[in-house]
């Protein structure tokens, strides 16, 4: 596939997140791996396969509200697509807001998303996830 075709797959994959799970899974490789570095916030970790993707998206819906004030930029070469953008949101459990400049490094294989590695502001997300200190 051409780099432009791969960008189309990535766009369709992220557009499908708000809709039918079957449409989303049809765009994900069976062995998809989604890596979110960091500690101290709910979504950090490695999420593998369709079951892992489904669990991750369910947890994301429960834990985080996110919006994207402007469309992301896409840069592609061969089977790699970089999605560069800015997000705002809040961690639901703490009601704390965050701002996040991000880059997703995405590999497309055979017309499906095979790997996503997020480069996000893990410190901002962990800080928003911290519970306020309580005093007796």
Protein backbone atom coordinates (compact mmCIF):
# COMPACT_ATOMS: atom_id res chain seq x y z
CA UNK A 1 0.00 0.00 0.00
CA UNK A 2 1.09 3.56 -0.59
CA UNK A 3 1.80 5.96 2.28
CA UNK A 4 -1.39 7.84 1.32
CA UNK A 5 -3.40 4.59 1.55
CA UNK A 6 -1.91 3.96 5.00
CA UNK A 7 -2.98 7.43 6.15
CA UNK A 8 -6.48 6.56 4.94
CA UNK A 9 -6.45 3.36 7.03
CA UNK A 10 -5.32 5.30 10.13
CA UNK A 11 -7.96 8.00 9.60
CA UNK A 12 -10.67 5.34 9.22
CA UNK A 13 -9.42 3.47 12.31
CA UNK A 14 -9.64 6.54 14.56
CA UNK A 15 -12.97 7.63 13.02
CA UNK A 16 -14.39 4.16 13.82
CA UNK A 17 -13.57 4.53 17.53
CA UNK A 18 -16.78 6.41 18.18
CA UNK A 19 -18.95 3.93 16.31
CA UNK A 20 -19.44 0.23 15.76
CA UNK A 21 -16.74 -1.93 17.39
CA UNK A 22 -16.87 -4.41 14.50
CA UNK A 23 -15.95 -1.65 12.04
CA UNK A 24 -13.01 -0.74 14.26
CA UNK A 25 -11.83 -4.33 14.68
CA UNK A 26 -12.01 -4.83 10.91
CA UNK A 27 -9.32 -2.13 10.62
CA UNK A 28 -7.11 -3.64 13.35
CA UNK A 29 -4.68 -6.52 12.84
CA UNK A 30 -5.50 -9.58 14.96
CA UNK A 31 -2.21 -9.08 16.82
CA UNK A 32 -2.50 -5.29 17.19
CA UNK A 33 -0.32 -3.83 19.90
CA UNK A 34 -1.09 -0.41 21.45
CA UNK A 35 1.66 0.87 23.75
CA UNK A 36 1.13 3.79 26.11
CA UNK A 37 4.21 4.54 28.21
CA UNK A 38 4.12 5.82 31.74
CA UNK A 39 2.97 4.99 35.21
CA UNK A 40 0.47 6.56 37.55
CA UNK A 41 -2.40 7.02 35.13
CA UNK A 42 -5.17 4.62 34.13
CA UNK A 43 -4.37 3.89 30.48
CA UNK A 44 -0.62 3.30 30.65
CA UNK A 45 0.49 -0.13 29.54
CA UNK A 46 0.62 -2.49 26.58
CA UNK A 47 -2.69 -3.58 25.06
CA UNK A 48 -2.56 -6.59 22.70
CA UNK A 49 -4.93 -8.20 20.24
CA UNK A 50 -8.58 -7.47 19.57
CA UNK A 51 -9.54 -8.35 23.15
CA UNK A 52 -6.86 -6.01 24.52
CA UNK A 53 -7.97 -3.23 22.17
CA UNK A 54 -11.59 -3.66 23.22
CA UNK A 55 -10.68 -3.64 26.94
CA UNK A 56 -8.48 -0.57 26.47
CA UNK A 57 -11.19 1.40 24.67
CA UNK A 58 -13.77 0.45 27.30
CA UNK A 59 -11.42 1.58 30.07
CA UNK A 60 -10.64 4.81 28.20
CA UNK A 61 -14.36 5.59 27.94
CA UNK A 62 -14.78 4.99 31.67
CA UNK A 63 -11.67 6.86 32.83
CA UNK A 64 -11.00 9.80 30.51
CA UNK A 65 -12.86 12.53 28.63
CA UNK A 66 -10.83 13.75 25.69
CA UNK A 67 -11.39 16.25 22.92
CA UNK A 68 -9.27 17.29 19.99
CA UNK A 69 -9.61 21.04 19.34
CA UNK A 70 -8.04 20.74 15.89
CA UNK A 71 -7.54 17.90 13.43
CA UNK A 72 -4.23 16.04 13.71
CA UNK A 73 -1.45 16.20 11.15
CA UNK A 74 -0.36 13.00 9.38
CA UNK A 75 3.13 12.23 8.11
CA UNK A 76 3.67 8.94 6.29
CA UNK A 77 6.53 6.95 4.84
CA UNK A 78 6.25 3.33 3.70
CA UNK A 79 4.20 1.46 6.34
CA UNK A 80 4.59 4.10 9.07
CA UNK A 81 2.18 6.91 9.83
CA UNK A 82 2.79 9.59 12.43
CA UNK A 83 -0.31 11.27 13.80
CA UNK A 84 0.63 14.56 15.47
CA UNK A 85 -1.88 16.52 17.48
CA UNK A 86 -3.13 18.21 20.60
CA UNK A 87 -5.78 16.98 23.04
CA UNK A 88 -7.50 18.38 26.08
CA UNK A 89 -9.53 16.49 28.60
CA UNK A 90 -10.00 15.37 32.16
CA UNK A 91 -9.53 12.27 34.24
CA UNK A 92 -13.04 11.41 35.44
CA UNK A 93 -12.02 9.98 38.85
CA UNK A 94 -10.24 13.18 39.87
CA UNK A 95 -12.08 15.70 37.69
CA UNK A 96 -8.64 17.16 36.89
CA UNK A 97 -7.97 18.62 33.47
CA UNK A 98 -4.97 17.97 31.24
CA UNK A 99 -3.50 19.25 28.01
CA UNK A 100 -1.48 16.90 25.86
CA UNK A 101 0.65 17.36 22.77
CA UNK A 102 1.01 13.90 21.28
CA UNK A 103 2.53 11.84 18.50
CA UNK A 104 1.22 8.39 17.68
CA UNK A 105 3.70 6.26 15.71
CA UNK A 106 1.52 3.79 13.82
CA UNK A 107 2.45 0.81 11.68
CA UNK A 108 0.01 -0.36 9.02
CA UNK A 109 0.34 -3.95 7.79
CA UNK A 110 -1.79 -5.43 5.00
CA UNK A 111 -4.29 -2.59 5.22
CA UNK A 112 -4.77 -2.84 8.99
CA UNK A 113 -3.40 -0.99 12.00
CA UNK A 114 -0.81 -3.34 13.53
CA UNK A 115 1.01 -1.20 16.09
CA UNK A 116 0.43 2.11 17.86
CA UNK A 117 2.96 3.67 20.18
CA UNK A 118 1.85 6.85 21.86
CA UNK A 119 4.30 9.59 22.71
CA UNK A 120 2.27 11.68 25.14
CA UNK A 121 2.84 14.01 28.07
CA UNK A 122 2.79 11.22 30.64
CA UNK A 123 3.63 13.65 33.45
CA UNK A 124 0.57 15.81 32.72
CA UNK A 125 -1.65 12.75 32.56
CA UNK A 126 -0.24 11.24 35.76
CA UNK A 127 -0.62 14.60 37.53
CA UNK A 128 -4.27 14.81 36.44
CA UNK A 129 -4.78 11.25 37.73
CA UNK A 130 -3.47 11.96 41.24
CA UNK A 131 -6.05 12.06 43.98
CA UNK A 132 -5.95 15.18 46.13
CA UNK A 133 -4.34 14.66 49.53
CA UNK A 134 -6.79 14.35 52.37
CA UNK A 135 -6.08 15.45 55.89
CA UNK A 136 -7.67 14.10 59.08
